[in-house]
Each structure stands twice: as C-alpha cells, then as structure tokens.
Amino acid sequence: MKRIITTYPLTIFILAVILFLSLFNPPETDMKTITNIDKLAHICMYGGLELILWAEYLKHHNKLSAKKLILLALIAPILFSGCMELAQLMLTKNRSGEWMDMIANTIGVVTGAICGYFIIRPLLWKKK
C-alpha cells in the first residue's frame, strides 16, 4: 500500500478531488445555461486523471505492461466513474447519476489513455 501511495500520489489526489466534486452540492451558476457543459467537465476530469496516471506510471516503469495498463489505466477509472454515478444517485439528494455522464467519463479516460501513450510516453521516455 505504501508503494502505491508513493508511486501514484497525484493520481490518488485527483481521485480524491473527483470523489469530492462528485458528491458535494455545487452552487448555482450561469454555466448551467450552456448545454452539456457538465459533460465537458466530466471529460476533462477523467482525461486529466488518466494523463496523471500515465505520467506517474511511465515515470516508475521502463516498459509497458499491457495487462496492468488495461486493468489499472482503463478499466479501473471507468469502474470508478460508474461508482461515482451510482453514489450520486443513491447518496445525494441534489445530484443524479446519468448514463451520459458515464459516457463522458469513458470518453475522458480513453482520450487520456491515447494521449498518454502517444504523447506522454515518448516525452518521458525520451528523457530516460
């Protein structure tokens, strides 16, 4: 457990921020007038999570493990996002779990993974 915390501190921090943002009562803003702005926020949150995860993974590993990356960098964040949608539905009175949010989260994860592989990996490994 200590190794995970020291290897992925920013990823854990981002997960905690997403957890908080998913369950707190957001203030009313004029942003709600922009159609689907929340979907863009979901894509950015989970895309950012994925980019940080890739950066921390690549910083501590010299080769890619397809099994680990598929499980931990794709499936786990998508499952986490599904759990957050269910938590919003079941644990909050003013939030709702939505399929479209889950789809936006998944788009963020996949986009972040693609950017991690094709942009972050070459940049970080070029320095090694």
N, C-alpha and C. Protein backbone atom coordinates (compact mmCIF):
# COMPACT_ATOMS: atom_id res chain seq x y z
N MET A 1 0.83 -1.19 0.00
CA MET A 1 0.00 0.00 0.00
C MET A 1 0.88 1.26 0.00
N LYS A 2 1.95 1.23 0.80
CA LYS A 2 2.86 2.37 0.85
C LYS A 2 3.48 2.63 -0.52
N ARG A 3 3.80 1.55 -1.24
CA ARG A 3 4.41 1.69 -2.57
C ARG A 3 3.44 2.36 -3.54
N ILE A 4 2.17 2.00 -3.45
CA ILE A 4 1.16 2.62 -4.33
C ILE A 4 1.03 4.10 -4.02
N ILE A 5 1.01 4.45 -2.75
CA ILE A 5 0.87 5.85 -2.35
C ILE A 5 2.08 6.67 -2.79
N THR A 6 3.29 6.10 -2.66
CA THR A 6 4.48 6.85 -3.05
C THR A 6 4.67 6.88 -4.57
N THR A 7 4.15 5.88 -5.28
CA THR A 7 4.28 5.84 -6.73
C THR A 7 3.23 6.69 -7.43
N TYR A 8 2.03 6.77 -6.87
CA TYR A 8 0.91 7.45 -7.52
C TYR A 8 0.27 8.54 -6.64
N PRO A 9 1.05 9.43 -6.04
CA PRO A 9 0.43 10.42 -5.13
C PRO A 9 -0.51 11.39 -5.84
N LEU A 10 -0.15 11.86 -7.02
CA LEU A 10 -1.02 12.80 -7.73
C LEU A 10 -2.29 12.12 -8.24
N THR A 11 -2.17 10.88 -8.68
CA THR A 11 -3.34 10.13 -9.11
C THR A 11 -4.32 9.97 -7.95
N ILE A 12 -3.81 9.63 -6.78
CA ILE A 12 -4.67 9.48 -5.59
C ILE A 12 -5.31 10.82 -5.23
N PHE A 13 -4.54 11.90 -5.34
CA PHE A 13 -5.09 13.22 -5.06
C PHE A 13 -6.22 13.57 -6.03
N ILE A 14 -6.00 13.32 -7.32
CA ILE A 14 -7.03 13.59 -8.33
C ILE A 14 -8.28 12.74 -8.08
N LEU A 15 -8.09 11.48 -7.70
CA LEU A 15 -9.23 10.63 -7.35
C LEU A 15 -10.02 11.22 -6.19
N ALA A 16 -9.31 11.73 -5.19
CA ALA A 16 -9.98 12.35 -4.03
C ALA A 16 -10.75 13.60 -4.46
N VAL A 17 -10.16 14.40 -5.35
CA VAL A 17 -10.83 15.61 -5.84
C VAL A 17 -12.09 15.22 -6.62
N ILE A 18 -11.98 14.21 -7.47
CA ILE A 18 -13.15 13.75 -8.24
C ILE A 18 -14.23 13.23 -7.29
N LEU A 19 -13.83 12.49 -6.27
CA LEU A 19 -14.78 11.99 -5.27
C LEU A 19 -15.52 13.16 -4.62
N PHE A 20 -14.77 14.17 -4.20
CA PHE A 20 -15.39 15.34 -3.58
C PHE A 20 -16.33 16.04 -4.55
N LEU A 21 -15.83 16.33 -5.76
CA LEU A 21 -16.64 17.06 -6.73
C LEU A 21 -17.89 16.28 -7.14
N SER A 22 -17.82 14.97 -7.09
CA SER A 22 -18.97 14.14 -7.47
C SER A 22 -20.06 14.14 -6.42
N LEU A 23 -19.70 14.39 -5.16
CA LEU A 23 -20.68 14.24 -4.10
C LEU A 23 -21.08 15.53 -3.40
N PHE A 24 -20.36 16.64 -3.63
CA PHE A 24 -20.73 17.86 -2.94
C PHE A 24 -21.87 18.57 -3.67
N ASN A 25 -22.49 19.50 -2.97
CA ASN A 25 -23.62 20.26 -3.52
C ASN A 25 -23.06 21.49 -4.24
N PRO A 26 -23.04 21.49 -5.57
CA PRO A 26 -22.44 22.62 -6.29
C PRO A 26 -23.34 23.86 -6.21
N PRO A 27 -22.73 25.03 -6.18
CA PRO A 27 -23.53 26.25 -6.16
C PRO A 27 -24.18 26.49 -7.52
N GLU A 28 -25.26 27.23 -7.53
CA GLU A 28 -25.92 27.58 -8.78
C GLU A 28 -25.08 28.63 -9.51
N THR A 29 -24.86 28.42 -10.80
CA THR A 29 -24.10 29.38 -11.61
C THR A 29 -24.81 29.57 -12.95
N ASP A 30 -24.37 30.56 -13.69
CA ASP A 30 -24.90 30.79 -15.03
C ASP A 30 -24.39 29.77 -16.02
N MET A 31 -23.42 28.94 -15.63
CA MET A 31 -22.86 27.94 -16.53
C MET A 31 -23.91 26.91 -16.95
N LYS A 32 -24.94 26.74 -16.15
CA LYS A 32 -25.98 25.77 -16.49
C LYS A 32 -26.73 26.13 -17.78
N THR A 33 -26.61 27.39 -18.18
CA THR A 33 -27.28 27.80 -19.41
C THR A 33 -26.55 27.28 -20.65
N ILE A 34 -25.30 26.85 -20.49
CA ILE A 34 -24.54 26.28 -21.61
C ILE A 34 -24.85 24.79 -21.69
N THR A 35 -25.43 24.38 -22.78
CA THR A 35 -25.86 22.99 -22.95
C THR A 35 -24.67 22.03 -22.82
N ASN A 36 -24.85 21.02 -22.01
CA ASN A 36 -23.87 19.93 -21.81
C ASN A 36 -22.50 20.38 -21.32
N ILE A 37 -22.41 21.52 -20.65
CA ILE A 37 -21.12 21.96 -20.11
C ILE A 37 -20.62 20.97 -19.07
N ASP A 38 -21.55 20.32 -18.37
CA ASP A 38 -21.13 19.33 -17.37
C ASP A 38 -20.46 18.13 -18.02
N LYS A 39 -20.86 17.79 -19.24
CA LYS A 39 -20.23 16.66 -19.94
C LYS A 39 -18.78 16.98 -20.27
N LEU A 40 -18.52 18.23 -20.65
CA LEU A 40 -17.15 18.66 -20.90
C LEU A 40 -16.33 18.59 -19.61
N ALA A 41 -16.94 18.96 -18.49
CA ALA A 41 -16.25 18.86 -17.21
C ALA A 41 -15.91 17.41 -16.89
N HIS A 42 -16.82 16.49 -17.17
CA HIS A 42 -16.56 15.07 -16.94
C HIS A 42 -15.41 14.57 -17.81
N ILE A 43 -15.42 14.94 -19.07
CA ILE A 43 -14.34 14.53 -19.98
C ILE A 43 -13.00 15.07 -19.47
N CYS A 44 -12.98 16.32 -19.05
CA CYS A 44 -11.74 16.93 -18.55
C CYS A 44 -11.27 16.28 -17.25
N MET A 45 -12.19 16.01 -16.33
CA MET A 45 -11.80 15.39 -15.05
C MET A 45 -11.17 14.02 -15.27
N TYR A 46 -11.84 13.19 -16.04
CA TYR A 46 -11.34 11.83 -16.22
C TYR A 46 -10.19 11.76 -17.22
N GLY A 47 -10.15 12.68 -18.17
CA GLY A 47 -8.99 12.78 -19.05
C GLY A 47 -7.77 13.22 -18.27
N GLY A 48 -7.95 14.19 -17.38
CA GLY A 48 -6.85 14.65 -16.52
C GLY A 48 -6.37 13.56 -15.59
N LEU A 49 -7.30 12.82 -15.01
CA LEU A 49 -6.94 11.69 -14.16
C LEU A 49 -6.07 10.71 -14.94
N GLU A 50 -6.49 10.41 -16.14
CA GLU A 50 -5.78 9.44 -16.97
C GLU A 50 -4.38 9.94 -17.34
N LEU A 51 -4.25 11.21 -17.67
CA LEU A 51 -2.94 11.76 -18.01
C LEU A 51 -1.98 11.71 -16.83
N ILE A 52 -2.47 12.04 -15.65
CA ILE A 52 -1.63 11.98 -14.44
C ILE A 52 -1.25 10.53 -14.16
N LEU A 53 -2.20 9.62 -14.28
CA LEU A 53 -1.93 8.20 -14.06
C LEU A 53 -0.85 7.70 -15.01
N TRP A 54 -0.96 8.04 -16.28
CA TRP A 54 0.05 7.63 -17.26
C TRP A 54 1.41 8.22 -16.92
N ALA A 55 1.45 9.51 -16.58
CA ALA A 55 2.73 10.15 -16.27
C ALA A 55 3.39 9.47 -15.08
N GLU A 56 2.62 9.18 -14.03
CA GLU A 56 3.21 8.53 -12.86
C GLU A 56 3.61 7.09 -13.17
N TYR A 57 2.82 6.40 -13.94
CA TYR A 57 3.17 5.02 -14.32
C TYR A 57 4.48 5.01 -15.12
N LEU A 58 4.55 5.85 -16.13
CA LEU A 58 5.73 5.86 -17.00
C LEU A 58 6.98 6.35 -16.28
N LYS A 59 6.81 7.20 -15.29
CA LYS A 59 7.95 7.69 -14.51
C LYS A 59 8.61 6.55 -13.72
N HIS A 60 7.83 5.56 -13.32
CA HIS A 60 8.33 4.48 -12.45
C HIS A 60 8.51 3.14 -13.16
N HIS A 61 8.19 3.08 -14.45
CA HIS A 61 8.33 1.82 -15.19
C HIS A 61 9.10 2.06 -16.49
N ASN A 62 9.95 1.11 -16.83
CA ASN A 62 10.75 1.23 -18.05
C ASN A 62 10.13 0.52 -19.25
N LYS A 63 9.11 -0.28 -19.00
CA LYS A 63 8.41 -0.94 -20.10
C LYS A 63 6.93 -1.00 -19.77
N LEU A 64 6.13 -1.14 -20.82
CA LEU A 64 4.68 -1.17 -20.64
C LEU A 64 4.22 -2.59 -20.37
N SER A 65 3.30 -2.71 -19.44
CA SER A 65 2.62 -3.97 -19.18
C SER A 65 1.18 -3.80 -19.66
N ALA A 66 0.87 -4.41 -20.79
CA ALA A 66 -0.47 -4.25 -21.37
C ALA A 66 -1.55 -4.67 -20.38
N LYS A 67 -1.33 -5.75 -19.66
CA LYS A 67 -2.31 -6.25 -18.69
C LYS A 67 -2.57 -5.21 -17.60
N LYS A 68 -1.49 -4.65 -17.03
CA LYS A 68 -1.64 -3.65 -15.97
C LYS A 68 -2.31 -2.39 -16.50
N LEU A 69 -1.89 -1.96 -17.68
CA LEU A 69 -2.45 -0.73 -18.22
C LEU A 69 -3.92 -0.86 -18.57
N ILE A 70 -4.31 -1.99 -19.13
CA ILE A 70 -5.72 -2.19 -19.46
C ILE A 70 -6.55 -2.25 -18.18
N LEU A 71 -6.05 -2.98 -17.19
CA LEU A 71 -6.79 -3.14 -15.95
C LEU A 71 -6.80 -1.85 -15.12
N LEU A 72 -5.62 -1.27 -14.91
CA LEU A 72 -5.50 -0.14 -13.99
C LEU A 72 -5.68 1.23 -14.64
N ALA A 73 -5.37 1.34 -15.92
CA ALA A 73 -5.46 2.65 -16.55
C ALA A 73 -6.70 2.80 -17.44
N LEU A 74 -7.41 1.74 -17.68
CA LEU A 74 -8.65 1.85 -18.46
C LEU A 74 -9.86 1.36 -17.67
N ILE A 75 -9.82 0.11 -17.27
CA ILE A 75 -10.99 -0.47 -16.61
C ILE A 75 -11.25 0.15 -15.24
N ALA A 76 -10.21 0.30 -14.42
CA ALA A 76 -10.39 0.84 -13.06
C ALA A 76 -10.98 2.26 -13.08
N PRO A 77 -10.44 3.20 -13.88
CA PRO A 77 -11.06 4.53 -13.89
C PRO A 77 -12.51 4.54 -14.39
N ILE A 78 -12.81 3.68 -15.36
CA ILE A 78 -14.18 3.61 -15.86
C ILE A 78 -15.11 3.04 -14.78
N LEU A 79 -14.66 2.01 -14.07
CA LEU A 79 -15.46 1.47 -12.96
C LEU A 79 -15.61 2.50 -11.84
N PHE A 80 -14.54 3.23 -11.54
CA PHE A 80 -14.61 4.29 -10.53
C PHE A 80 -15.66 5.33 -10.93
N SER A 81 -15.66 5.70 -12.21
CA SER A 81 -16.63 6.70 -12.66
C SER A 81 -18.06 6.17 -12.55
N GLY A 82 -18.24 4.89 -12.82
CA GLY A 82 -19.56 4.28 -12.65
C GLY A 82 -19.99 4.27 -11.19
N CYS A 83 -19.05 3.99 -10.31
CA CYS A 83 -19.34 4.03 -8.87
C CYS A 83 -19.71 5.44 -8.43
N MET A 84 -19.05 6.44 -8.99
CA MET A 84 -19.38 7.83 -8.65
C MET A 84 -20.78 8.20 -9.13
N GLU A 85 -21.14 7.72 -10.30
CA GLU A 85 -22.50 8.00 -10.80
C GLU A 85 -23.54 7.32 -9.91
N LEU A 86 -23.28 6.09 -9.50
CA LEU A 86 -24.20 5.39 -8.59
C LEU A 86 -24.25 6.08 -7.24
N ALA A 87 -23.10 6.54 -6.75
CA ALA A 87 -23.06 7.25 -5.46
C ALA A 87 -23.87 8.54 -5.54
N GLN A 88 -23.76 9.25 -6.65
CA GLN A 88 -24.57 10.47 -6.81
C GLN A 88 -26.05 10.14 -6.78
N LEU A 89 -26.42 9.06 -7.42
CA LEU A 89 -27.83 8.65 -7.47
C LEU A 89 -28.35 8.23 -6.10
N MET A 90 -27.55 7.47 -5.37
CA MET A 90 -28.02 6.86 -4.12
C MET A 90 -27.70 7.64 -2.86
N LEU A 91 -26.63 8.42 -2.87
CA LEU A 91 -26.16 9.05 -1.63
C LEU A 91 -26.43 10.55 -1.55
N THR A 92 -26.84 11.15 -2.64
CA THR A 92 -27.09 12.59 -2.61
C THR A 92 -28.55 12.87 -2.96
N LYS A 93 -29.03 14.00 -2.48
CA LYS A 93 -30.41 14.38 -2.76
C LYS A 93 -30.50 15.33 -3.95
N ASN A 94 -29.41 16.02 -4.24
CA ASN A 94 -29.46 17.04 -5.28
C ASN A 94 -28.62 16.70 -6.51
N ARG A 95 -28.08 15.50 -6.57
CA ARG A 95 -27.29 15.06 -7.71
C ARG A 95 -27.97 13.84 -8.31
N SER A 96 -27.66 13.57 -9.56
CA SER A 96 -28.25 12.39 -10.18
C SER A 96 -27.17 11.64 -10.94
N GLY A 97 -27.26 10.33 -10.94
CA GLY A 97 -26.38 9.52 -11.75
C GLY A 97 -26.94 9.46 -13.16
N GLU A 98 -26.10 9.75 -14.14
CA GLU A 98 -26.59 9.79 -15.52
C GLU A 98 -25.71 8.94 -16.43
N TRP A 99 -26.36 8.25 -17.36
CA TRP A 99 -25.63 7.44 -18.33
C TRP A 99 -24.74 8.32 -19.21
N MET A 100 -25.23 9.50 -19.57
CA MET A 100 -24.44 10.39 -20.42
C MET A 100 -23.18 10.87 -19.70
N ASP A 101 -23.27 11.05 -18.38
CA ASP A 101 -22.07 11.39 -17.60
C ASP A 101 -21.07 10.24 -17.64
N MET A 102 -21.57 9.03 -17.51
CA MET A 102 -20.72 7.84 -17.58
C MET A 102 -20.04 7.74 -18.95
N ILE A 103 -20.77 8.04 -19.99
CA ILE A 103 -20.19 8.03 -21.34
C ILE A 103 -19.13 9.12 -21.47
N ALA A 104 -19.40 10.31 -20.94
CA ALA A 104 -18.42 11.39 -20.98
C ALA A 104 -17.17 11.01 -20.18
N ASN A 105 -17.36 10.37 -19.03
CA ASN A 105 -16.22 9.90 -18.23
C ASN A 105 -15.37 8.92 -19.04
N THR A 106 -16.03 8.00 -19.70
CA THR A 106 -15.34 6.98 -20.50
C THR A 106 -14.58 7.63 -21.66
N ILE A 107 -15.20 8.62 -22.29
CA ILE A 107 -14.51 9.35 -23.37
C ILE A 107 -13.25 10.02 -22.81
N GLY A 108 -13.36 10.60 -21.62
CA GLY A 108 -12.19 11.22 -20.99
C GLY A 108 -11.09 10.22 -20.72
N VAL A 109 -11.45 9.06 -20.19
CA VAL A 109 -10.46 8.01 -19.89
C VAL A 109 -9.78 7.55 -21.18
N VAL A 110 -10.55 7.25 -22.19
CA VAL A 110 -9.98 6.74 -23.45
C VAL A 110 -9.11 7.81 -24.12
N THR A 111 -9.60 9.04 -24.14
CA THR A 111 -8.81 10.13 -24.73
C THR A 111 -7.52 10.34 -23.97
N GLY A 112 -7.60 10.31 -22.64
CA GLY A 112 -6.40 10.45 -21.81
C GLY A 112 -5.42 9.32 -22.04
N ALA A 113 -5.92 8.10 -22.20
CA ALA A 113 -5.05 6.94 -22.45
C ALA A 113 -4.35 7.08 -23.80
N ILE A 114 -5.08 7.52 -24.80
CA ILE A 114 -4.47 7.71 -26.13
C ILE A 114 -3.39 8.78 -26.06
N CYS A 115 -3.68 9.89 -25.39
CA CYS A 115 -2.69 10.95 -25.23
C CYS A 115 -1.51 10.48 -24.38
N GLY A 116 -1.80 9.69 -23.37
CA GLY A 116 -0.73 9.15 -22.53
C GLY A 116 0.23 8.29 -23.33
N TYR A 117 -0.31 7.44 -24.16
CA TYR A 117 0.52 6.53 -24.95
C TYR A 117 1.28 7.27 -26.05
N PHE A 118 0.59 8.13 -26.78
CA PHE A 118 1.21 8.74 -27.96
C PHE A 118 1.93 10.06 -27.68
N ILE A 119 1.65 10.72 -26.57
CA ILE A 119 2.30 12.00 -26.27
C ILE A 119 3.20 11.91 -25.03
N ILE A 120 2.62 11.50 -23.90
CA ILE A 120 3.39 11.49 -22.65
C ILE A 120 4.48 10.42 -22.68
N ARG A 121 4.17 9.23 -23.15
CA ARG A 121 5.18 8.14 -23.19
C ARG A 121 6.42 8.55 -23.97
N PRO A 122 6.29 9.04 -25.21
CA PRO A 122 7.51 9.44 -25.91
C PRO A 122 8.26 10.57 -25.23
N LEU A 123 7.55 11.51 -24.64
CA LEU A 123 8.22 12.62 -23.97
C LEU A 123 8.99 12.18 -22.73
N LEU A 124 8.35 11.37 -21.90
CA LEU A 124 9.02 10.91 -20.68
C LEU A 124 10.14 9.91 -20.95
N TRP A 125 9.91 9.02 -21.88
CA TRP A 125 10.93 8.00 -22.15
C TRP A 125 12.08 8.56 -22.97
N LYS A 126 11.86 9.65 -23.69
CA LYS A 126 12.95 10.28 -24.43
C LYS A 126 13.98 10.85 -23.46
N LYS A 127 13.51 11.33 -22.29
CA LYS A 127 14.39 11.88 -21.27
C LYS A 127 15.23 10.80 -20.60
N LYS A 128 14.74 9.55 -20.60
CA LYS A 128 15.48 8.46 -19.95
C LYS A 128 16.54 8.04 -20.88
